[in-house]
Amino acid sequence: MVRIIVAVLVLGLLGAAGVMAIENKGAAQITLDGGSRGVVLFPHHRHQNALNDCKICHTLFPQEQGGIARLKQDGKLVKKQVMNKHCIKCHKAKKKDGIKTGPTTCSKCHIKAKS
């Protein structure tokens, strides 16, 4: 009887941990430093829902606040690497397959501050 109670408690805790992991999807939208071209408002949850695989992006980017800035500072992320190797490449491939996708030009994502 004790084993059954312990098993139920363990399963309940594992289930709760799984639900918390699923619900922790990060911010709905992330503001990224886009360099001299202006900031990028990145629709994080929209990408999560469309891609269904966090590793597509998070093999390159750590899942932590300030991770991209740190990669740039350490010289592990170079200018246009993200845009050319990830964003535009993926968007163009989806567009070619007839799938509605995001922009394929710089100015559609980068927003310059108004003077």
N, C-alpha and C. Protein backbone atom coordinates (compact mmCIF):
# COMPACT_ATOMS: atom_id res chain seq x y z
N MET A 1 0.82 -1.20 0.00
CA MET A 1 0.00 0.00 0.00
C MET A 1 0.87 1.27 0.00
N VAL A 2 1.92 1.25 0.81
CA VAL A 2 2.82 2.40 0.88
C VAL A 2 3.49 2.62 -0.47
N ARG A 3 3.87 1.54 -1.14
CA ARG A 3 4.50 1.65 -2.46
C ARG A 3 3.56 2.30 -3.47
N ILE A 4 2.31 1.97 -3.40
CA ILE A 4 1.33 2.55 -4.33
C ILE A 4 1.20 4.04 -4.07
N ILE A 5 1.13 4.44 -2.82
CA ILE A 5 1.01 5.86 -2.47
C ILE A 5 2.25 6.61 -2.94
N VAL A 6 3.43 6.05 -2.70
CA VAL A 6 4.68 6.69 -3.13
C VAL A 6 4.71 6.79 -4.65
N ALA A 7 4.30 5.73 -5.34
CA ALA A 7 4.29 5.74 -6.80
C ALA A 7 3.36 6.82 -7.33
N VAL A 8 2.18 6.96 -6.74
CA VAL A 8 1.22 7.98 -7.17
C VAL A 8 1.79 9.38 -6.93
N LEU A 9 2.42 9.59 -5.78
CA LEU A 9 3.03 10.89 -5.49
C LEU A 9 4.15 11.21 -6.47
N VAL A 10 5.00 10.23 -6.76
CA VAL A 10 6.10 10.45 -7.70
C VAL A 10 5.55 10.78 -9.08
N LEU A 11 4.56 10.03 -9.54
CA LEU A 11 3.96 10.31 -10.85
C LEU A 11 3.32 11.69 -10.88
N GLY A 12 2.68 12.06 -9.79
CA GLY A 12 2.07 13.39 -9.71
C GLY A 12 3.11 14.49 -9.80
N LEU A 13 4.23 14.33 -9.10
CA LEU A 13 5.30 15.32 -9.15
C LEU A 13 5.93 15.39 -10.53
N LEU A 14 6.15 14.25 -11.15
CA LEU A 14 6.70 14.24 -12.51
C LEU A 14 5.75 14.90 -13.49
N GLY A 15 4.47 14.64 -13.34
CA GLY A 15 3.48 15.27 -14.21
C GLY A 15 3.45 16.78 -14.03
N ALA A 16 3.54 17.23 -12.80
CA ALA A 16 3.55 18.67 -12.52
C ALA A 16 4.80 19.31 -13.10
N ALA A 17 5.93 18.64 -12.98
CA ALA A 17 7.18 19.18 -13.54
C ALA A 17 7.08 19.25 -15.06
N GLY A 18 6.47 18.25 -15.67
CA GLY A 18 6.30 18.25 -17.13
C GLY A 18 5.41 19.38 -17.58
N VAL A 19 4.34 19.64 -16.86
CA VAL A 19 3.43 20.74 -17.21
C VAL A 19 4.16 22.08 -17.07
N MET A 20 4.95 22.24 -16.02
CA MET A 20 5.69 23.49 -15.84
C MET A 20 6.69 23.68 -16.98
N ALA A 21 7.34 22.61 -17.41
CA ALA A 21 8.30 22.72 -18.49
C ALA A 21 7.61 23.11 -19.79
N ILE A 22 6.43 22.56 -20.03
CA ILE A 22 5.69 22.88 -21.24
C ILE A 22 5.22 24.33 -21.21
N GLU A 23 4.75 24.79 -20.05
CA GLU A 23 4.22 26.14 -19.94
C GLU A 23 5.31 27.20 -19.99
N ASN A 24 6.54 26.87 -19.61
CA ASN A 24 7.63 27.83 -19.63
C ASN A 24 8.19 27.93 -21.04
N LYS A 25 7.51 28.72 -21.87
CA LYS A 25 7.89 28.84 -23.26
C LYS A 25 8.63 30.15 -23.54
N GLY A 26 9.04 30.82 -22.50
CA GLY A 26 9.71 32.10 -22.69
C GLY A 26 8.72 33.19 -23.02
N ALA A 27 9.24 34.34 -23.36
CA ALA A 27 8.41 35.49 -23.67
C ALA A 27 7.67 35.29 -24.99
N ALA A 28 6.49 35.87 -25.08
CA ALA A 28 5.71 35.79 -26.32
C ALA A 28 6.42 36.53 -27.44
N GLN A 29 7.03 37.64 -27.10
CA GLN A 29 7.78 38.44 -28.07
C GLN A 29 9.08 38.89 -27.41
N ILE A 30 10.16 38.84 -28.18
CA ILE A 30 11.47 39.21 -27.66
C ILE A 30 12.00 40.37 -28.51
N THR A 31 12.56 41.37 -27.85
CA THR A 31 13.18 42.48 -28.57
C THR A 31 14.67 42.19 -28.66
N LEU A 32 15.16 42.09 -29.90
CA LEU A 32 16.57 41.76 -30.14
C LEU A 32 17.31 42.99 -30.65
N ASP A 33 18.57 43.09 -30.28
CA ASP A 33 19.42 44.16 -30.78
C ASP A 33 19.80 43.83 -32.21
N GLY A 34 19.31 44.61 -33.14
CA GLY A 34 19.58 44.37 -34.56
C GLY A 34 20.69 45.22 -35.11
N GLY A 35 21.54 45.73 -34.24
CA GLY A 35 22.68 46.53 -34.69
C GLY A 35 22.26 47.86 -35.29
N SER A 36 23.00 48.31 -36.28
CA SER A 36 22.76 49.63 -36.87
C SER A 36 21.47 49.68 -37.66
N ARG A 37 20.91 48.54 -38.02
CA ARG A 37 19.66 48.53 -38.78
C ARG A 37 18.43 48.69 -37.89
N GLY A 38 18.60 48.62 -36.59
CA GLY A 38 17.49 48.81 -35.67
C GLY A 38 17.09 47.53 -34.98
N VAL A 39 16.25 47.66 -33.98
CA VAL A 39 15.82 46.50 -33.19
C VAL A 39 14.94 45.56 -34.01
N VAL A 40 14.86 44.32 -33.55
CA VAL A 40 14.00 43.33 -34.18
C VAL A 40 13.01 42.85 -33.12
N LEU A 41 11.72 42.97 -33.42
CA LEU A 41 10.68 42.45 -32.54
C LEU A 41 10.42 41.02 -33.00
N PHE A 42 10.94 40.07 -32.25
CA PHE A 42 10.89 38.66 -32.64
C PHE A 42 9.68 37.99 -32.00
N PRO A 43 8.71 37.52 -32.81
CA PRO A 43 7.52 36.84 -32.28
C PRO A 43 7.86 35.40 -31.86
N HIS A 44 8.37 35.26 -30.65
CA HIS A 44 8.90 34.00 -30.14
C HIS A 44 7.85 32.88 -30.14
N HIS A 45 6.68 33.13 -29.56
CA HIS A 45 5.66 32.07 -29.50
C HIS A 45 5.16 31.69 -30.89
N ARG A 46 5.07 32.65 -31.79
CA ARG A 46 4.64 32.34 -33.15
C ARG A 46 5.63 31.37 -33.81
N HIS A 47 6.92 31.59 -33.58
CA HIS A 47 7.93 30.68 -34.13
C HIS A 47 7.86 29.31 -33.46
N GLN A 48 7.63 29.29 -32.16
CA GLN A 48 7.50 28.01 -31.45
C GLN A 48 6.34 27.20 -32.03
N ASN A 49 5.24 27.85 -32.25
CA ASN A 49 4.05 27.15 -32.78
C ASN A 49 4.27 26.68 -34.21
N ALA A 50 4.98 27.46 -35.00
CA ALA A 50 5.21 27.10 -36.41
C ALA A 50 6.26 26.01 -36.56
N LEU A 51 7.29 26.04 -35.73
CA LEU A 51 8.41 25.12 -35.90
C LEU A 51 8.29 23.84 -35.08
N ASN A 52 7.67 23.93 -33.92
CA ASN A 52 7.49 22.77 -33.04
C ASN A 52 8.79 22.09 -32.64
N ASP A 53 9.92 22.75 -32.76
CA ASP A 53 11.20 22.18 -32.37
C ASP A 53 12.13 23.31 -31.95
N CYS A 54 12.30 23.48 -30.66
CA CYS A 54 13.12 24.58 -30.13
C CYS A 54 14.58 24.48 -30.57
N LYS A 55 15.04 23.25 -30.83
CA LYS A 55 16.45 23.05 -31.18
C LYS A 55 16.82 23.67 -32.53
N ILE A 56 15.84 23.95 -33.36
CA ILE A 56 16.13 24.58 -34.65
C ILE A 56 16.88 25.89 -34.41
N CYS A 57 16.46 26.65 -33.42
CA CYS A 57 17.13 27.91 -33.10
C CYS A 57 18.07 27.75 -31.91
N HIS A 58 17.67 26.97 -30.93
CA HIS A 58 18.41 26.93 -29.68
C HIS A 58 19.62 26.00 -29.69
N THR A 59 20.02 25.50 -30.84
CA THR A 59 21.34 24.88 -30.92
C THR A 59 22.38 25.98 -31.07
N LEU A 60 21.98 27.10 -31.62
CA LEU A 60 22.87 28.25 -31.78
C LEU A 60 22.73 29.23 -30.62
N PHE A 61 21.51 29.50 -30.21
CA PHE A 61 21.25 30.49 -29.17
C PHE A 61 20.93 29.82 -27.84
N PRO A 62 21.60 30.25 -26.77
CA PRO A 62 21.24 29.69 -25.46
C PRO A 62 19.86 30.18 -25.03
N GLN A 63 19.17 29.38 -24.28
CA GLN A 63 17.85 29.75 -23.80
C GLN A 63 18.00 30.54 -22.51
N GLU A 64 18.55 31.74 -22.63
CA GLU A 64 18.74 32.60 -21.48
C GLU A 64 18.71 34.05 -21.91
N GLN A 65 18.24 34.89 -21.02
CA GLN A 65 18.17 36.32 -21.32
C GLN A 65 19.60 36.86 -21.48
N GLY A 66 19.82 37.62 -22.53
CA GLY A 66 21.13 38.20 -22.79
C GLY A 66 22.09 37.25 -23.49
N GLY A 67 21.62 36.08 -23.87
CA GLY A 67 22.48 35.07 -24.49
C GLY A 67 23.06 35.51 -25.82
N ILE A 68 22.25 36.17 -26.64
CA ILE A 68 22.72 36.61 -27.95
C ILE A 68 23.78 37.70 -27.78
N ALA A 69 23.55 38.63 -26.88
CA ALA A 69 24.54 39.69 -26.63
C ALA A 69 25.86 39.09 -26.17
N ARG A 70 25.79 38.07 -25.32
CA ARG A 70 27.01 37.42 -24.84
C ARG A 70 27.75 36.73 -25.97
N LEU A 71 27.01 36.05 -26.86
CA LEU A 71 27.64 35.39 -28.01
C LEU A 71 28.34 36.41 -28.90
N LYS A 72 27.70 37.56 -29.11
CA LYS A 72 28.32 38.62 -29.92
C LYS A 72 29.59 39.12 -29.25
N GLN A 73 29.51 39.38 -27.96
CA GLN A 73 30.65 39.89 -27.20
C GLN A 73 31.82 38.91 -27.24
N ASP A 74 31.53 37.62 -27.18
CA ASP A 74 32.56 36.59 -27.19
C ASP A 74 33.05 36.26 -28.59
N GLY A 75 32.48 36.93 -29.61
CA GLY A 75 32.90 36.69 -30.99
C GLY A 75 32.38 35.38 -31.57
N LYS A 76 31.36 34.79 -30.93
CA LYS A 76 30.81 33.51 -31.39
C LYS A 76 29.59 33.69 -32.29
N LEU A 77 29.20 34.93 -32.48
CA LEU A 77 28.06 35.24 -33.33
C LEU A 77 28.45 36.47 -34.13
N VAL A 78 28.53 36.30 -35.43
CA VAL A 78 28.98 37.41 -36.28
C VAL A 78 27.81 38.08 -36.96
N LYS A 79 28.04 39.30 -37.42
CA LYS A 79 27.02 40.12 -38.07
C LYS A 79 26.37 39.33 -39.21
N LYS A 80 25.07 39.39 -39.30
CA LYS A 80 24.23 38.78 -40.32
C LYS A 80 24.19 37.25 -40.27
N GLN A 81 24.89 36.64 -39.33
CA GLN A 81 24.87 35.17 -39.21
C GLN A 81 23.46 34.67 -38.96
N VAL A 82 22.78 35.33 -38.05
CA VAL A 82 21.42 34.91 -37.71
C VAL A 82 20.50 35.11 -38.91
N MET A 83 20.51 36.30 -39.45
CA MET A 83 19.60 36.64 -40.53
C MET A 83 19.81 35.73 -41.74
N ASN A 84 21.04 35.62 -42.20
CA ASN A 84 21.31 34.88 -43.43
C ASN A 84 21.25 33.36 -43.26
N LYS A 85 21.74 32.86 -42.15
CA LYS A 85 21.82 31.41 -41.96
C LYS A 85 20.55 30.81 -41.37
N HIS A 86 19.76 31.60 -40.67
CA HIS A 86 18.59 31.05 -40.01
C HIS A 86 17.28 31.65 -40.53
N CYS A 87 17.08 32.91 -40.24
CA CYS A 87 15.79 33.54 -40.52
C CYS A 87 15.42 33.51 -42.00
N ILE A 88 16.19 34.18 -42.81
CA ILE A 88 15.83 34.31 -44.23
C ILE A 88 15.87 32.95 -44.92
N LYS A 89 16.84 32.13 -44.59
CA LYS A 89 16.94 30.80 -45.21
C LYS A 89 15.66 29.99 -44.93
N CYS A 90 15.22 30.00 -43.70
CA CYS A 90 14.01 29.26 -43.32
C CYS A 90 12.77 29.86 -43.98
N HIS A 91 12.64 31.18 -43.93
CA HIS A 91 11.48 31.84 -44.52
C HIS A 91 11.40 31.59 -46.03
N LYS A 92 12.53 31.66 -46.72
CA LYS A 92 12.54 31.43 -48.17
C LYS A 92 12.18 29.98 -48.50
N ALA A 93 12.66 29.04 -47.71
CA ALA A 93 12.34 27.63 -47.94
C ALA A 93 10.85 27.38 -47.76
N LYS A 94 10.27 27.95 -46.72
CA LYS A 94 8.83 27.78 -46.49
C LYS A 94 8.02 28.44 -47.61
N LYS A 95 8.44 29.63 -48.03
CA LYS A 95 7.75 30.33 -49.11
C LYS A 95 7.79 29.51 -50.40
N LYS A 96 8.95 28.91 -50.69
CA LYS A 96 9.11 28.07 -51.88
C LYS A 96 8.17 26.87 -51.83
N ASP A 97 7.93 26.35 -50.62
CA ASP A 97 7.02 25.21 -50.44
C ASP A 97 5.55 25.63 -50.38
N GLY A 98 5.29 26.93 -50.57
CA GLY A 98 3.92 27.43 -50.56
C GLY A 98 3.34 27.63 -49.18
N ILE A 99 4.19 27.70 -48.17
CA ILE A 99 3.74 27.89 -46.79
C ILE A 99 3.86 29.36 -46.43
N LYS A 100 2.78 29.92 -45.87
CA LYS A 100 2.81 31.32 -45.43
C LYS A 100 3.90 31.45 -44.37
N THR A 101 4.73 32.46 -44.53
CA THR A 101 5.89 32.59 -43.66
C THR A 101 6.20 34.05 -43.37
N GLY A 102 7.30 34.27 -42.71
CA GLY A 102 7.72 35.61 -42.35
C GLY A 102 8.47 36.31 -43.46
N PRO A 103 8.94 37.51 -43.18
CA PRO A 103 9.61 38.34 -44.18
C PRO A 103 10.94 37.76 -44.64
N THR A 104 11.35 38.20 -45.83
CA THR A 104 12.62 37.75 -46.39
C THR A 104 13.56 38.92 -46.69
N THR A 105 13.20 40.09 -46.20
CA THR A 105 14.07 41.26 -46.38
C THR A 105 14.35 41.89 -45.02
N CYS A 106 15.49 42.55 -44.93
CA CYS A 106 15.95 43.13 -43.66
C CYS A 106 14.95 44.11 -43.06
N SER A 107 14.47 45.04 -43.88
CA SER A 107 13.64 46.14 -43.38
C SER A 107 12.29 45.69 -42.83
N LYS A 108 11.88 44.48 -43.13
CA LYS A 108 10.60 44.00 -42.60
C LYS A 108 10.69 43.58 -41.15
N CYS A 109 11.91 43.30 -40.67
CA CYS A 109 12.10 42.90 -39.27
C CYS A 109 12.80 43.98 -38.45
N HIS A 110 13.81 44.62 -39.04
CA HIS A 110 14.56 45.64 -38.32
C HIS A 110 13.79 46.94 -38.31
N ILE A 111 13.63 47.52 -37.12
CA ILE A 111 12.88 48.77 -36.98
C ILE A 111 13.83 49.84 -36.46
N LYS A 112 14.09 50.83 -37.31
CA LYS A 112 14.97 51.93 -36.89
C LYS A 112 14.19 52.87 -35.98
N ALA A 113 14.88 53.37 -34.99
CA ALA A 113 14.26 54.33 -34.07
C ALA A 113 14.00 55.63 -34.82
N LYS A 114 12.85 56.22 -34.54
CA LYS A 114 12.49 57.50 -35.19
C LYS A 114 13.24 58.63 -34.50
N SER A 115 13.77 59.53 -35.32
CA SER A 115 14.54 60.64 -34.74
C SER A 115 13.64 61.77 -34.34
